[in-house]
Amino acid sequence: MIEIVFPTVTEAKGFNPPAGVRTHICGVGLTDAAIFTAGLLAGPNRPEAVVMGGIAGVYAHSRFKIGDTVIVKREREADLGFFYPEGFRLLARTDNDMEFPLSEWLECPWIDDNIGLPAASSNSMNAAMAPFAPIEDADIENMEGASFFKVCLRAGVPFYEIRSISNEVDLNRNKWDLHGAVKRLGTELERFVEKLMADCR
């Protein structure tokens, strides 16, 4: 079984699941995505793969643009950190005496050259469009991906994240194409899942 997870009902509207594929709504934000994905993978029937589908914002410096669909190669919890007098610093970039496992980027090891979608680096944030997050080495921004990556990596389940770009990461919120992004997401997800199912046979 292949499980498809969407943050919202809206993002799922363009996707028609084939037989052997189940869809779920996890909720918006890192916490809801983590709780739902962990529960999904804790069940007795381990899925062959889990895919998160959703929309995303694009940073102005990125090679991508509104209308593109990408597969996320790496995710970062971009608003997890501390504020100092000189500004915000990612937790992974702080000097900390406490010992705990931490890396700045979470990598998807399942992506290869045959995926058929361009690979992107993504910031995940509960505070969408927050101006303090580091963006210079990220292409897009979403609100769930890093926790989805983290849960799947710890469970050892193959996973993928596909995002269609609906807007620029811009506080003015001038350019949005939500309807088009949802439609493109459904089309690309159907194509991707069909290939994934063939590979799993």
N, C-alpha and C. Protein backbone atom coordinates (compact mmCIF):
# COMPACT_ATOMS: atom_id res chain seq x y z
N MET A 1 0.84 -1.20 0.00
CA MET A 1 0.00 0.00 0.00
C MET A 1 0.87 1.24 0.00
N ILE A 2 0.49 2.21 -0.80
CA ILE A 2 1.15 3.52 -0.82
C ILE A 2 0.21 4.52 -0.16
N GLU A 3 0.73 5.28 0.78
CA GLU A 3 -0.06 6.26 1.51
C GLU A 3 0.31 7.67 1.04
N ILE A 4 -0.72 8.47 0.73
CA ILE A 4 -0.50 9.85 0.32
C ILE A 4 -1.05 10.77 1.41
N VAL A 5 -0.23 11.71 1.86
CA VAL A 5 -0.62 12.61 2.94
C VAL A 5 -0.65 14.04 2.41
N PHE A 6 -1.77 14.71 2.63
CA PHE A 6 -1.92 16.13 2.28
C PHE A 6 -2.16 16.93 3.55
N PRO A 7 -1.64 18.13 3.64
CA PRO A 7 -1.95 18.97 4.80
C PRO A 7 -3.43 19.37 4.87
N THR A 8 -4.04 19.67 3.72
CA THR A 8 -5.41 20.17 3.71
C THR A 8 -6.25 19.44 2.67
N VAL A 9 -7.56 19.52 2.86
CA VAL A 9 -8.50 18.96 1.88
C VAL A 9 -8.33 19.67 0.54
N THR A 10 -8.09 20.97 0.58
CA THR A 10 -7.91 21.75 -0.66
C THR A 10 -6.78 21.18 -1.51
N GLU A 11 -5.65 20.88 -0.88
CA GLU A 11 -4.50 20.38 -1.63
C GLU A 11 -4.74 18.99 -2.22
N ALA A 12 -5.67 18.26 -1.65
CA ALA A 12 -5.98 16.90 -2.13
C ALA A 12 -6.99 16.89 -3.27
N LYS A 13 -7.63 18.00 -3.55
CA LYS A 13 -8.76 18.02 -4.48
C LYS A 13 -8.40 17.63 -5.91
N GLY A 14 -7.18 17.89 -6.34
CA GLY A 14 -6.82 17.58 -7.72
C GLY A 14 -6.31 16.18 -7.94
N PHE A 15 -6.23 15.37 -6.88
CA PHE A 15 -5.63 14.05 -6.97
C PHE A 15 -6.68 12.96 -6.99
N ASN A 16 -6.60 12.08 -7.99
CA ASN A 16 -7.49 10.92 -8.08
C ASN A 16 -6.68 9.67 -7.78
N PRO A 17 -6.82 9.10 -6.58
CA PRO A 17 -5.97 7.97 -6.20
C PRO A 17 -6.33 6.70 -6.95
N PRO A 18 -5.34 6.00 -7.49
CA PRO A 18 -5.60 4.70 -8.12
C PRO A 18 -5.81 3.63 -7.06
N ALA A 19 -6.23 2.45 -7.49
CA ALA A 19 -6.38 1.34 -6.57
C ALA A 19 -5.04 1.02 -5.93
N GLY A 20 -5.07 0.72 -4.63
CA GLY A 20 -3.83 0.43 -3.93
C GLY A 20 -3.19 1.64 -3.30
N VAL A 21 -3.88 2.79 -3.37
CA VAL A 21 -3.36 4.03 -2.80
C VAL A 21 -4.42 4.64 -1.89
N ARG A 22 -4.01 5.03 -0.69
CA ARG A 22 -4.93 5.69 0.24
C ARG A 22 -4.47 7.12 0.46
N THR A 23 -5.43 8.03 0.63
CA THR A 23 -5.10 9.43 0.89
C THR A 23 -5.54 9.81 2.31
N HIS A 24 -4.81 10.76 2.89
CA HIS A 24 -5.08 11.21 4.25
C HIS A 24 -4.87 12.72 4.33
N ILE A 25 -5.52 13.34 5.29
CA ILE A 25 -5.31 14.75 5.60
C ILE A 25 -4.65 14.82 6.97
N CYS A 26 -3.45 15.41 7.03
CA CYS A 26 -2.70 15.42 8.29
C CYS A 26 -2.90 16.69 9.10
N GLY A 27 -3.33 17.77 8.46
CA GLY A 27 -3.42 19.05 9.15
C GLY A 27 -2.22 19.93 8.80
N VAL A 28 -2.34 21.20 9.14
CA VAL A 28 -1.33 22.19 8.78
C VAL A 28 -0.32 22.36 9.92
N GLY A 29 0.95 22.46 9.53
CA GLY A 29 1.99 22.74 10.51
C GLY A 29 2.82 21.52 10.87
N LEU A 30 3.98 21.79 11.47
CA LEU A 30 4.94 20.74 11.78
C LEU A 30 4.42 19.75 12.82
N THR A 31 3.70 20.22 13.82
CA THR A 31 3.21 19.34 14.87
C THR A 31 2.17 18.37 14.34
N ASP A 32 1.15 18.87 13.65
CA ASP A 32 0.10 17.99 13.11
C ASP A 32 0.68 16.98 12.13
N ALA A 33 1.60 17.43 11.29
CA ALA A 33 2.21 16.52 10.32
C ALA A 33 2.99 15.41 11.00
N ALA A 34 3.73 15.74 12.05
CA ALA A 34 4.51 14.74 12.78
C ALA A 34 3.61 13.74 13.48
N ILE A 35 2.60 14.23 14.17
CA ILE A 35 1.71 13.34 14.92
C ILE A 35 0.98 12.39 13.98
N PHE A 36 0.45 12.95 12.90
CA PHE A 36 -0.31 12.10 11.98
C PHE A 36 0.60 11.07 11.31
N THR A 37 1.76 11.49 10.81
CA THR A 37 2.64 10.56 10.11
C THR A 37 3.15 9.47 11.03
N ALA A 38 3.48 9.82 12.27
CA ALA A 38 3.93 8.82 13.23
C ALA A 38 2.84 7.79 13.49
N GLY A 39 1.60 8.25 13.63
CA GLY A 39 0.49 7.33 13.83
C GLY A 39 0.26 6.43 12.63
N LEU A 40 0.41 7.00 11.45
CA LEU A 40 0.22 6.22 10.22
C LEU A 40 1.24 5.10 10.12
N LEU A 41 2.49 5.40 10.47
CA LEU A 41 3.56 4.42 10.34
C LEU A 41 3.62 3.45 11.52
N ALA A 42 2.90 3.75 12.59
CA ALA A 42 2.91 2.87 13.76
C ALA A 42 1.89 1.74 13.63
N GLY A 43 1.07 1.77 12.60
CA GLY A 43 0.05 0.75 12.42
C GLY A 43 0.63 -0.60 12.07
N PRO A 44 -0.20 -1.64 12.10
CA PRO A 44 0.30 -3.01 11.86
C PRO A 44 0.71 -3.25 10.41
N ASN A 45 0.13 -2.51 9.47
CA ASN A 45 0.45 -2.71 8.05
C ASN A 45 1.39 -1.61 7.57
N ARG A 46 2.65 -1.95 7.48
CA ARG A 46 3.67 -0.99 7.09
C ARG A 46 3.53 -0.66 5.61
N PRO A 47 3.41 0.63 5.25
CA PRO A 47 3.26 0.98 3.83
C PRO A 47 4.54 0.75 3.05
N GLU A 48 4.38 0.54 1.75
CA GLU A 48 5.55 0.41 0.88
C GLU A 48 6.25 1.76 0.71
N ALA A 49 5.47 2.82 0.73
CA ALA A 49 6.01 4.17 0.63
C ALA A 49 4.97 5.17 1.11
N VAL A 50 5.45 6.33 1.55
CA VAL A 50 4.57 7.42 1.97
C VAL A 50 4.96 8.65 1.15
N VAL A 51 3.96 9.36 0.65
CA VAL A 51 4.20 10.56 -0.15
C VAL A 51 3.43 11.72 0.46
N MET A 52 4.11 12.83 0.68
CA MET A 52 3.40 14.05 1.07
C MET A 52 3.24 14.92 -0.17
N GLY A 53 2.03 15.39 -0.37
CA GLY A 53 1.75 16.30 -1.47
C GLY A 53 1.21 17.61 -0.94
N GLY A 54 1.63 18.72 -1.54
CA GLY A 54 1.13 20.00 -1.08
C GLY A 54 1.61 21.13 -1.94
N ILE A 55 1.20 22.32 -1.58
CA ILE A 55 1.65 23.52 -2.27
C ILE A 55 2.81 24.12 -1.49
N ALA A 56 3.48 25.09 -2.10
CA ALA A 56 4.62 25.73 -1.46
C ALA A 56 4.80 27.14 -2.02
N GLY A 57 5.52 27.95 -1.25
CA GLY A 57 5.94 29.25 -1.73
C GLY A 57 7.36 29.16 -2.26
N VAL A 58 7.72 30.05 -3.16
CA VAL A 58 9.06 30.04 -3.75
C VAL A 58 9.79 31.33 -3.37
N TYR A 59 11.08 31.19 -3.05
CA TYR A 59 11.90 32.36 -2.75
C TYR A 59 12.33 33.06 -4.03
N ALA A 60 12.50 34.36 -3.95
CA ALA A 60 12.77 35.16 -5.14
C ALA A 60 14.07 34.76 -5.83
N HIS A 61 15.06 34.29 -5.08
CA HIS A 61 16.35 33.94 -5.68
C HIS A 61 16.37 32.54 -6.29
N SER A 62 15.32 31.76 -6.07
CA SER A 62 15.30 30.37 -6.53
C SER A 62 15.22 30.27 -8.05
N ARG A 63 15.70 29.17 -8.59
CA ARG A 63 15.58 28.91 -10.03
C ARG A 63 14.16 28.50 -10.39
N PHE A 64 13.34 28.18 -9.40
CA PHE A 64 11.95 27.79 -9.65
C PHE A 64 11.04 29.01 -9.64
N LYS A 65 9.80 28.79 -10.13
CA LYS A 65 8.84 29.89 -10.22
C LYS A 65 7.44 29.35 -9.97
N ILE A 66 6.50 30.26 -9.81
CA ILE A 66 5.10 29.87 -9.67
C ILE A 66 4.70 29.03 -10.89
N GLY A 67 4.09 27.89 -10.64
CA GLY A 67 3.69 26.98 -11.71
C GLY A 67 4.55 25.74 -11.79
N ASP A 68 5.73 25.77 -11.17
CA ASP A 68 6.60 24.59 -11.18
C ASP A 68 6.16 23.59 -10.11
N THR A 69 6.49 22.33 -10.36
CA THR A 69 6.29 21.27 -9.38
C THR A 69 7.64 20.60 -9.13
N VAL A 70 7.95 20.39 -7.85
CA VAL A 70 9.28 19.88 -7.49
C VAL A 70 9.14 18.69 -6.55
N ILE A 71 10.21 17.91 -6.47
CA ILE A 71 10.34 16.91 -5.43
C ILE A 71 11.37 17.44 -4.45
N VAL A 72 11.08 17.33 -3.16
CA VAL A 72 11.94 17.93 -2.15
C VAL A 72 13.06 16.96 -1.78
N LYS A 73 14.28 17.39 -2.03
CA LYS A 73 15.46 16.59 -1.72
C LYS A 73 15.87 16.72 -0.26
N ARG A 74 15.73 17.94 0.29
CA ARG A 74 16.11 18.13 1.69
C ARG A 74 15.22 19.18 2.33
N GLU A 75 15.02 19.02 3.64
CA GLU A 75 14.15 19.90 4.42
C GLU A 75 14.91 20.42 5.63
N ARG A 76 14.50 21.62 6.08
CA ARG A 76 15.11 22.24 7.26
C ARG A 76 14.02 22.88 8.10
N GLU A 77 14.07 22.69 9.43
CA GLU A 77 13.19 23.41 10.35
C GLU A 77 13.75 24.82 10.50
N ALA A 78 13.26 25.72 9.68
CA ALA A 78 13.92 27.01 9.50
C ALA A 78 13.56 28.04 10.55
N ASP A 79 12.56 27.78 11.39
CA ASP A 79 12.28 28.72 12.48
C ASP A 79 12.52 28.09 13.84
N LEU A 80 13.34 27.03 13.88
CA LEU A 80 13.72 26.38 15.13
C LEU A 80 15.08 26.94 15.56
N GLY A 81 15.08 27.72 16.62
CA GLY A 81 16.35 28.31 17.03
C GLY A 81 16.16 29.32 18.15
N PHE A 82 17.11 30.25 18.24
CA PHE A 82 17.12 31.25 19.29
C PHE A 82 17.28 32.64 18.69
N PHE A 83 16.72 33.62 19.40
CA PHE A 83 16.98 35.01 19.06
C PHE A 83 18.09 35.55 19.96
N TYR A 84 19.07 36.19 19.33
CA TYR A 84 20.17 36.83 20.02
C TYR A 84 20.08 38.33 19.77
N PRO A 85 20.84 39.12 20.50
CA PRO A 85 20.81 40.58 20.23
C PRO A 85 21.06 40.92 18.77
N GLU A 86 21.89 40.10 18.11
CA GLU A 86 22.19 40.37 16.70
C GLU A 86 21.18 39.73 15.74
N GLY A 87 20.21 38.98 16.28
CA GLY A 87 19.18 38.39 15.42
C GLY A 87 18.98 36.91 15.66
N PHE A 88 18.20 36.29 14.78
CA PHE A 88 17.84 34.88 14.90
C PHE A 88 18.98 33.99 14.45
N ARG A 89 19.13 32.85 15.14
CA ARG A 89 20.12 31.86 14.74
C ARG A 89 19.48 30.48 14.82
N LEU A 90 19.62 29.72 13.75
CA LEU A 90 19.11 28.35 13.75
C LEU A 90 19.69 27.55 14.90
N LEU A 91 18.89 26.64 15.47
CA LEU A 91 19.37 25.80 16.56
C LEU A 91 20.62 25.03 16.14
N ALA A 92 20.64 24.55 14.89
CA ALA A 92 21.79 23.79 14.41
C ALA A 92 23.05 24.64 14.28
N ARG A 93 22.90 25.95 14.33
CA ARG A 93 24.05 26.85 14.18
C ARG A 93 24.43 27.53 15.50
N THR A 94 23.83 27.11 16.60
CA THR A 94 24.12 27.73 17.88
C THR A 94 25.21 26.96 18.61
N ASP A 95 25.88 27.64 19.53
CA ASP A 95 26.81 27.00 20.45
C ASP A 95 26.00 26.54 21.65
N ASN A 96 25.89 25.23 21.82
CA ASN A 96 25.00 24.69 22.84
C ASN A 96 25.71 23.60 23.63
N ASP A 97 25.63 23.67 24.95
CA ASP A 97 26.30 22.69 25.79
C ASP A 97 25.51 21.40 25.96
N MET A 98 24.26 21.41 25.56
CA MET A 98 23.43 20.21 25.71
C MET A 98 23.70 19.24 24.57
N GLU A 99 23.65 17.94 24.88
CA GLU A 99 23.91 16.91 23.89
C GLU A 99 22.59 16.33 23.40
N PHE A 100 22.35 16.42 22.10
CA PHE A 100 21.17 15.83 21.49
C PHE A 100 21.43 15.74 19.99
N PRO A 101 20.79 14.75 19.33
CA PRO A 101 21.02 14.61 17.88
C PRO A 101 20.38 15.76 17.11
N LEU A 102 21.17 16.41 16.27
CA LEU A 102 20.65 17.54 15.53
C LEU A 102 21.49 17.78 14.28
N SER A 103 20.82 17.96 13.17
CA SER A 103 21.51 18.38 11.95
C SER A 103 20.64 19.45 11.30
N GLU A 104 21.27 20.33 10.56
CA GLU A 104 20.51 21.43 9.95
C GLU A 104 19.55 20.92 8.88
N TRP A 105 20.03 20.00 8.05
CA TRP A 105 19.22 19.51 6.93
C TRP A 105 18.83 18.05 7.13
N LEU A 106 17.63 17.72 6.74
CA LEU A 106 17.14 16.34 6.67
C LEU A 106 17.08 15.96 5.20
N GLU A 107 17.72 14.87 4.84
CA GLU A 107 17.85 14.48 3.43
C GLU A 107 16.96 13.29 3.11
N CYS A 108 16.35 13.31 1.92
CA CYS A 108 15.59 12.16 1.44
C CYS A 108 16.53 11.25 0.65
N PRO A 109 16.77 10.03 1.12
CA PRO A 109 17.72 9.14 0.44
C PRO A 109 17.12 8.35 -0.71
N TRP A 110 15.84 8.56 -0.99
CA TRP A 110 15.15 7.72 -1.97
C TRP A 110 15.07 8.35 -3.35
N ILE A 111 15.58 9.55 -3.50
CA ILE A 111 15.49 10.25 -4.78
C ILE A 111 16.67 9.87 -5.66
N ASP A 112 16.37 9.53 -6.92
CA ASP A 112 17.43 9.24 -7.89
C ASP A 112 17.16 10.02 -9.18
N ASP A 113 17.99 9.78 -10.17
CA ASP A 113 17.89 10.54 -11.43
C ASP A 113 16.67 10.18 -12.26
N ASN A 114 15.97 9.11 -11.89
CA ASN A 114 14.81 8.66 -12.67
C ASN A 114 13.48 9.19 -12.13
N ILE A 115 13.53 10.06 -11.12
CA ILE A 115 12.31 10.55 -10.50
C ILE A 115 11.44 11.33 -11.49
N GLY A 116 12.07 12.16 -12.32
CA GLY A 116 11.31 12.90 -13.32
C GLY A 116 10.84 14.28 -12.89
N LEU A 117 11.19 14.69 -11.68
CA LEU A 117 10.87 16.03 -11.20
C LEU A 117 12.15 16.70 -10.70
N PRO A 118 12.27 18.01 -10.85
CA PRO A 118 13.47 18.68 -10.35
C PRO A 118 13.50 18.66 -8.82
N ALA A 119 14.70 18.53 -8.27
CA ALA A 119 14.86 18.45 -6.82
C ALA A 119 15.05 19.83 -6.21
N ALA A 120 14.41 20.06 -5.06
CA ALA A 120 14.46 21.36 -4.40
C ALA A 120 14.89 21.21 -2.95
N SER A 121 15.46 22.29 -2.41
CA SER A 121 15.72 22.41 -0.98
C SER A 121 14.61 23.27 -0.38
N SER A 122 14.13 22.84 0.80
CA SER A 122 12.94 23.49 1.34
C SER A 122 13.11 23.88 2.81
N ASN A 123 12.61 25.06 3.14
CA ASN A 123 12.44 25.47 4.53
C ASN A 123 11.05 25.07 5.00
N SER A 124 10.97 24.45 6.18
CA SER A 124 9.68 24.19 6.81
C SER A 124 9.53 25.13 7.99
N MET A 125 8.36 25.77 8.08
CA MET A 125 8.16 26.78 9.11
C MET A 125 6.73 26.76 9.61
N ASN A 126 6.57 26.83 10.94
CA ASN A 126 5.24 27.08 11.48
C ASN A 126 4.85 28.54 11.28
N ALA A 127 5.82 29.43 11.30
CA ALA A 127 5.58 30.86 11.07
C ALA A 127 5.88 31.16 9.60
N ALA A 128 4.92 30.89 8.75
CA ALA A 128 5.13 31.06 7.30
C ALA A 128 5.53 32.49 6.98
N MET A 129 6.50 32.62 6.07
CA MET A 129 6.98 33.90 5.58
C MET A 129 7.67 34.74 6.64
N ALA A 130 8.06 34.13 7.76
CA ALA A 130 8.76 34.88 8.81
C ALA A 130 10.06 35.46 8.24
N PRO A 131 10.31 36.73 8.44
CA PRO A 131 11.45 37.38 7.78
C PRO A 131 12.80 37.03 8.40
N PHE A 132 12.82 36.32 9.53
CA PHE A 132 14.10 36.04 10.19
C PHE A 132 14.73 34.72 9.74
N ALA A 133 14.02 33.88 9.02
CA ALA A 133 14.54 32.55 8.66
C ALA A 133 15.65 32.66 7.61
N PRO A 134 16.65 31.79 7.68
CA PRO A 134 17.68 31.78 6.63
C PRO A 134 17.11 31.22 5.34
N ILE A 135 17.29 31.93 4.25
CA ILE A 135 16.67 31.50 2.99
C ILE A 135 17.67 31.34 1.85
N GLU A 136 18.92 31.75 2.06
CA GLU A 136 19.85 31.84 0.93
C GLU A 136 20.12 30.50 0.26
N ASP A 137 19.99 29.39 0.99
CA ASP A 137 20.26 28.07 0.41
C ASP A 137 19.02 27.20 0.31
N ALA A 138 17.85 27.84 0.32
CA ALA A 138 16.58 27.12 0.14
C ALA A 138 15.86 27.66 -1.09
N ASP A 139 15.09 26.79 -1.74
CA ASP A 139 14.32 27.17 -2.93
C ASP A 139 12.88 27.54 -2.59
N ILE A 140 12.28 26.75 -1.69
CA ILE A 140 10.86 26.88 -1.41
C ILE A 140 10.61 26.86 0.09
N GLU A 141 9.36 27.15 0.44
CA GLU A 141 8.95 27.15 1.85
C GLU A 141 7.61 26.44 2.00
N ASN A 142 7.50 25.61 3.03
CA ASN A 142 6.24 24.95 3.35
C ASN A 142 6.09 24.87 4.86
N MET A 143 5.04 24.21 5.34
CA MET A 143 4.77 24.21 6.78
C MET A 143 4.75 22.81 7.41
N GLU A 144 5.10 21.77 6.65
CA GLU A 144 4.99 20.41 7.20
C GLU A 144 6.19 19.50 6.91
N GLY A 145 6.95 19.79 5.88
CA GLY A 145 7.87 18.82 5.31
C GLY A 145 8.94 18.28 6.25
N ALA A 146 9.55 19.15 7.07
CA ALA A 146 10.66 18.70 7.90
C ALA A 146 10.23 17.64 8.91
N SER A 147 9.06 17.82 9.51
CA SER A 147 8.60 16.81 10.48
C SER A 147 8.20 15.52 9.77
N PHE A 148 7.64 15.63 8.57
CA PHE A 148 7.34 14.45 7.76
C PHE A 148 8.62 13.69 7.45
N PHE A 149 9.66 14.39 7.03
CA PHE A 149 10.95 13.77 6.76
C PHE A 149 11.47 13.07 8.01
N LYS A 150 11.43 13.77 9.14
CA LYS A 150 12.03 13.25 10.37
C LYS A 150 11.35 11.96 10.81
N VAL A 151 10.03 11.92 10.77
CA VAL A 151 9.30 10.72 11.18
C VAL A 151 9.60 9.55 10.25
N CYS A 152 9.58 9.80 8.94
CA CYS A 152 9.81 8.73 7.98
C CYS A 152 11.25 8.20 8.07
N LEU A 153 12.21 9.09 8.27
CA LEU A 153 13.60 8.67 8.41
C LEU A 153 13.77 7.77 9.63
N ARG A 154 13.17 8.15 10.75
CA ARG A 154 13.29 7.34 11.96
C ARG A 154 12.59 6.00 11.83
N ALA A 155 11.51 5.98 11.05
CA ALA A 155 10.77 4.72 10.85
C ALA A 155 11.42 3.84 9.79
N GLY A 156 12.29 4.42 8.96
CA GLY A 156 12.94 3.65 7.90
C GLY A 156 12.01 3.29 6.75
N VAL A 157 11.00 4.11 6.52
CA VAL A 157 10.02 3.88 5.46
C VAL A 157 10.36 4.76 4.26
N PRO A 158 10.35 4.24 3.04
CA PRO A 158 10.58 5.08 1.87
C PRO A 158 9.55 6.22 1.81
N PHE A 159 10.02 7.43 1.52
CA PHE A 159 9.13 8.58 1.53
C PHE A 159 9.55 9.58 0.46
N TYR A 160 8.57 10.40 0.06
CA TYR A 160 8.79 11.43 -0.94
C TYR A 160 7.90 12.62 -0.60
N GLU A 161 8.33 13.79 -1.01
CA GLU A 161 7.52 14.99 -0.83
C GLU A 161 7.47 15.76 -2.15
N ILE A 162 6.27 15.99 -2.64
CA ILE A 162 6.07 16.70 -3.91
C ILE A 162 5.29 17.98 -3.63
N ARG A 163 5.81 19.07 -4.13
CA ARG A 163 5.18 20.37 -3.90
C ARG A 163 5.00 21.12 -5.22
N SER A 164 3.82 21.70 -5.40
CA SER A 164 3.58 22.60 -6.52
C SER A 164 3.61 24.03 -6.00
N ILE A 165 4.29 24.88 -6.72
CA ILE A 165 4.51 26.25 -6.25
C ILE A 165 3.32 27.14 -6.60
N SER A 166 2.73 27.70 -5.56
CA SER A 166 1.51 28.49 -5.72
C SER A 166 1.74 29.98 -5.58
N ASN A 167 2.86 30.36 -4.99
CA ASN A 167 3.05 31.78 -4.66
C ASN A 167 4.52 32.09 -4.41
N GLU A 168 4.83 33.37 -4.42
CA GLU A 168 6.13 33.83 -3.97
C GLU A 168 6.09 34.02 -2.46
N VAL A 169 7.20 33.78 -1.80
CA VAL A 169 7.29 34.06 -0.36
C VAL A 169 7.46 35.56 -0.22
N ASP A 170 6.34 36.22 -0.05
CA ASP A 170 6.30 37.68 -0.09
C ASP A 170 5.20 38.15 0.86
N LEU A 171 5.54 38.99 1.81
CA LEU A 171 4.55 39.46 2.78
C LEU A 171 3.43 40.25 2.14
N ASN A 172 3.65 40.76 0.94
CA ASN A 172 2.59 41.50 0.25
C ASN A 172 1.53 40.59 -0.35
N ARG A 173 1.85 39.30 -0.48
CA ARG A 173 0.90 38.30 -0.96
C ARG A 173 0.25 38.71 -2.29
N ASN A 174 1.05 39.25 -3.19
CA ASN A 174 0.50 39.74 -4.45
C ASN A 174 0.21 38.64 -5.45
N LYS A 175 1.13 37.70 -5.59
CA LYS A 175 1.00 36.71 -6.66
C LYS A 175 0.70 35.33 -6.08
N TRP A 176 -0.51 34.86 -6.30
CA TRP A 176 -0.91 33.53 -5.86
C TRP A 176 -1.66 32.83 -7.00
N ASP A 177 -1.39 31.55 -7.14
CA ASP A 177 -2.14 30.72 -8.09
C ASP A 177 -2.50 29.41 -7.39
N LEU A 178 -3.36 29.52 -6.40
CA LEU A 178 -3.73 28.35 -5.60
C LEU A 178 -4.43 27.30 -6.46
N HIS A 179 -5.41 27.73 -7.25
CA HIS A 179 -6.17 26.78 -8.06
C HIS A 179 -5.26 26.04 -9.04
N GLY A 180 -4.40 26.78 -9.72
CA GLY A 180 -3.50 26.16 -10.68
C GLY A 180 -2.52 25.21 -10.02
N ALA A 181 -2.02 25.61 -8.85
CA ALA A 181 -1.06 24.76 -8.14
C ALA A 181 -1.69 23.45 -7.69
N VAL A 182 -2.92 23.52 -7.20
CA VAL A 182 -3.62 22.30 -6.76
C VAL A 182 -3.86 21.37 -7.95
N LYS A 183 -4.24 21.94 -9.07
CA LYS A 183 -4.47 21.13 -10.27
C LYS A 183 -3.18 20.47 -10.75
N ARG A 184 -2.10 21.24 -10.79
CA ARG A 184 -0.81 20.69 -11.22
C ARG A 184 -0.30 19.64 -10.23
N LEU A 185 -0.52 19.88 -8.95
CA LEU A 185 -0.11 18.92 -7.94
C LEU A 185 -0.78 17.58 -8.17
N GLY A 186 -2.08 17.60 -8.42
CA GLY A 186 -2.80 16.36 -8.67
C GLY A 186 -2.28 15.62 -9.88
N THR A 187 -2.03 16.34 -10.96
CA THR A 187 -1.53 15.73 -12.19
C THR A 187 -0.16 15.09 -11.98
N GLU A 188 0.75 15.84 -11.35
CA GLU A 188 2.10 15.33 -11.14
C GLU A 188 2.13 14.19 -10.13
N LEU A 189 1.28 14.27 -9.11
CA LEU A 189 1.21 13.19 -8.13
C LEU A 189 0.70 11.90 -8.76
N GLU A 190 -0.31 12.02 -9.60
CA GLU A 190 -0.83 10.82 -10.26
C GLU A 190 0.24 10.17 -11.12
N ARG A 191 1.00 10.98 -11.84
CA ARG A 191 2.09 10.46 -12.67
C ARG A 191 3.18 9.82 -11.80
N PHE A 192 3.52 10.48 -10.71
CA PHE A 192 4.56 9.98 -9.83
C PHE A 192 4.15 8.67 -9.16
N VAL A 193 2.92 8.63 -8.67
CA VAL A 193 2.44 7.44 -7.96
C VAL A 193 2.34 6.25 -8.91
N GLU A 194 1.92 6.50 -10.13
CA GLU A 194 1.86 5.42 -11.12
C GLU A 194 3.23 4.80 -11.33
N LYS A 195 4.26 5.64 -11.45
CA LYS A 195 5.62 5.13 -11.61
C LYS A 195 6.09 4.42 -10.34
N LEU A 196 5.76 4.99 -9.18
CA LEU A 196 6.16 4.38 -7.92
C LEU A 196 5.54 3.00 -7.73
N MET A 197 4.28 2.87 -8.10
CA MET A 197 3.61 1.57 -7.99
C MET A 197 4.24 0.55 -8.91
N ALA A 198 4.62 0.99 -10.10
CA ALA A 198 5.28 0.07 -11.03
C ALA A 198 6.62 -0.39 -10.48
N ASP A 199 7.34 0.52 -9.84
CA ASP A 199 8.65 0.17 -9.27
C ASP A 199 8.51 -0.76 -8.08
N CYS A 200 7.37 -0.68 -7.36
CA CYS A 200 7.16 -1.50 -6.16
C CYS A 200 6.71 -2.92 -6.51
N ARG A 201 6.28 -3.13 -7.73
CA ARG A 201 5.80 -4.47 -8.10
C ARG A 201 6.93 -5.47 -8.21
